[in-house]
Amino acid sequence: MSDDPPAVGYKRPPKHSQWKPGQSGNQGRRKVTVKAGTIDPSAILDAPISMRVGDKVVELDPYEANFTALTRKAMTGCLKSAKTVLQACAQAGIINEPEGQRGDGVVLTIPKEWDNVEWMDMYKRFGPPPWQGERDGLVPADRRDRP
């Protein structure tokens, strides 16, 4: 009976497809993770970063690379990035905040029927609209429902 081939079937794969000694059943096994204590953050933050500027590849300090990317994002219209860039520039003394220009975060939109100087004069004299009279400083009634 030793001449008979081994039985192949349920839970008995053929010999050629069985795992070899030392072979894992999970070929795409979980990657080995690095423990937090073994990483040196200062070495990573001090290492220069390669960045393409025009046709050249230049090495930048990580802070410069981050600021460059943040500035580019701000230029595309991201207000959060623009605020961060402007704050960093003000902190570095590159730009100064104009005196007396801080508002309470209100954006005033002057209706197109009004002259800018006339509307601002009314605003300085009487405060924000609506004002007394026919010209109340608001958008005309026929245009209020439209976007």
Protein backbone atom coordinates (compact mmCIF):
# COMPACT_ATOMS: atom_id res chain seq x y z
CA MET A 1 0.00 0.00 0.00
CA SER A 2 2.98 2.32 0.29
CA ASP A 3 3.12 2.39 -3.52
CA ASP A 4 -0.31 4.10 -3.70
CA PRO A 5 -0.23 7.89 -4.32
CA PRO A 6 -1.24 9.98 -1.28
CA ALA A 7 -4.94 10.81 -0.99
CA VAL A 8 -5.95 14.17 -2.38
CA GLY A 9 -9.26 15.79 -1.42
CA TYR A 10 -10.92 17.88 1.23
CA LYS A 11 -8.22 19.34 3.53
CA ARG A 12 -5.58 17.25 1.74
CA PRO A 13 -3.98 19.35 -1.00
CA PRO A 14 -1.51 17.83 -3.45
CA LYS A 15 2.13 17.82 -2.23
CA HIS A 16 3.29 20.30 -4.88
CA SER A 17 0.82 22.96 -3.67
CA GLN A 18 1.44 22.53 0.07
CA TRP A 19 3.43 25.19 1.92
CA LYS A 20 7.11 24.59 2.25
CA PRO A 21 8.73 24.76 5.69
CA GLY A 22 9.18 28.45 6.68
CA GLN A 23 6.72 29.66 4.07
CA SER A 24 3.81 31.81 5.27
CA GLY A 25 0.27 31.23 4.17
CA ASN A 26 -0.18 34.96 3.70
CA GLN A 27 2.12 35.95 0.82
CA GLY A 28 1.04 39.62 0.91
CA ARG A 29 1.59 39.68 4.64
CA ARG A 30 1.13 42.71 6.80
CA LYS A 31 4.00 45.13 6.50
CA VAL A 32 6.31 45.55 9.47
CA THR A 33 5.58 48.88 11.15
CA VAL A 34 8.23 51.06 12.71
CA LYS A 35 7.74 51.84 16.38
CA ALA A 36 7.34 55.51 17.29
CA GLY A 37 10.48 55.57 19.43
CA THR A 38 12.76 54.50 16.57
CA ILE A 39 11.98 57.48 14.29
CA ASP A 40 14.11 60.62 14.65
CA PRO A 41 11.77 63.53 13.77
CA SER A 42 14.56 66.11 13.95
CA ALA A 43 16.54 64.23 11.30
CA ILE A 44 13.49 64.18 9.03
CA LEU A 45 12.77 67.89 9.55
CA ASP A 46 16.42 68.83 9.00
CA ALA A 47 16.81 66.80 5.79
CA PRO A 48 16.52 68.87 2.59
CA ILE A 49 13.58 68.23 0.27
CA SER A 50 13.93 68.09 -3.52
CA MET A 51 11.43 70.29 -5.30
CA ARG A 52 11.00 71.22 -8.95
CA VAL A 53 11.15 74.97 -9.57
CA GLY A 54 10.63 75.67 -13.25
CA ASP A 55 12.98 73.33 -15.13
CA LYS A 56 15.38 72.83 -12.23
CA VAL A 57 15.25 70.53 -9.24
CA VAL A 58 16.42 72.39 -6.14
CA GLU A 59 16.93 71.28 -2.56
CA LEU A 60 14.89 73.27 -0.05
CA ASP A 61 14.63 73.34 3.70
CA PRO A 62 11.39 71.55 4.75
CA TYR A 63 9.95 74.82 6.09
CA GLU A 64 10.64 76.56 2.76
CA ALA A 65 9.07 73.69 0.82
CA ASN A 66 5.99 73.75 3.06
CA PHE A 67 5.67 77.53 2.79
CA THR A 68 6.08 77.38 -1.00
CA ALA A 69 3.32 74.77 -1.30
CA LEU A 70 1.10 76.76 1.07
CA THR A 71 1.64 79.94 -0.97
CA ARG A 72 0.77 78.13 -4.21
CA LYS A 73 -2.41 76.80 -2.62
CA ALA A 74 -3.28 80.31 -1.40
CA MET A 75 -2.82 81.64 -4.95
CA THR A 76 -5.42 79.15 -6.22
CA GLY A 77 -8.03 80.71 -3.93
CA CYS A 78 -7.80 78.74 -0.69
CA LEU A 79 -8.65 81.34 1.96
CA LYS A 80 -7.34 79.27 4.87
CA SER A 81 -3.94 78.98 3.18
CA ALA A 82 -3.96 82.69 2.30
CA LYS A 83 -4.66 83.58 5.91
CA THR A 84 -1.81 81.36 7.11
CA VAL A 85 0.61 82.87 4.55
CA LEU A 86 -0.38 86.43 5.48
CA GLN A 87 -0.03 85.69 9.20
CA ALA A 88 3.44 84.21 8.64
CA CYS A 89 4.46 87.25 6.57
CA ALA A 90 3.16 89.63 9.24
CA GLN A 91 4.96 87.66 11.95
CA ALA A 92 8.20 87.84 9.96
CA GLY A 93 7.76 91.61 9.53
CA ILE A 94 7.41 91.41 5.75
CA ILE A 95 4.00 93.08 5.74
CA ASN A 96 2.25 95.26 8.31
CA GLU A 97 -1.42 95.39 9.05
CA PRO A 98 -2.78 98.84 8.16
CA GLU A 99 -3.75 100.93 11.18
CA GLY A 100 -7.45 101.41 11.76
CA GLN A 101 -8.48 98.98 9.04
CA ARG A 102 -9.67 96.13 11.24
CA GLY A 103 -13.37 95.58 10.86
CA ASP A 104 -15.76 93.30 12.62
CA GLY A 105 -15.66 90.76 9.79
CA VAL A 106 -18.60 92.28 7.90
CA VAL A 107 -18.36 92.54 4.13
CA LEU A 108 -20.32 95.42 2.64
CA THR A 109 -21.66 95.06 -0.89
CA ILE A 110 -22.63 98.32 -2.53
CA PRO A 111 -25.60 97.96 -4.89
CA LYS A 112 -24.74 98.79 -8.50
CA GLU A 113 -27.41 101.52 -8.56
CA TRP A 114 -25.33 103.53 -6.06
CA ASP A 115 -22.15 105.51 -6.60
CA ASN A 116 -19.43 104.11 -4.28
CA VAL A 117 -18.49 107.54 -2.84
CA GLU A 118 -22.14 108.50 -2.24
CA TRP A 119 -22.94 105.15 -0.58
CA MET A 120 -19.83 105.32 1.68
CA ASP A 121 -20.75 108.90 2.65
CA MET A 122 -24.22 107.73 3.69
CA TYR A 123 -22.68 104.80 5.56
CA LYS A 124 -20.32 107.10 7.50
CA ARG A 125 -23.15 109.53 8.38
CA PHE A 126 -25.99 107.11 9.19
CA GLY A 127 -24.38 103.72 9.75
CA PRO A 128 -25.33 100.52 7.92
CA PRO A 129 -28.50 100.48 5.80
CA PRO A 130 -31.48 100.53 5.70
CA TRP A 131 -31.72 104.32 5.78
CA GLN A 132 -34.76 106.57 5.94
CA GLY A 133 -36.29 107.63 2.66
CA GLU A 134 -36.76 106.26 -0.82
CA ARG A 135 -33.09 105.36 -1.30
CA ASP A 136 -32.63 103.05 1.65
CA GLY A 137 -29.17 101.79 0.62
CA LEU A 138 -30.38 98.27 -0.08
CA VAL A 139 -30.72 96.38 -3.34
CA PRO A 140 -33.93 97.44 -5.16
CA ALA A 141 -36.97 95.27 -4.49
CA ASP A 142 -37.14 93.94 -8.06
CA ARG A 143 -33.62 92.45 -7.73
CA ARG A 144 -33.77 91.13 -4.13
CA ASP A 145 -35.02 87.63 -4.97
CA ARG A 146 -32.46 87.01 -7.71
CA PRO A 147 -29.02 85.57 -6.88
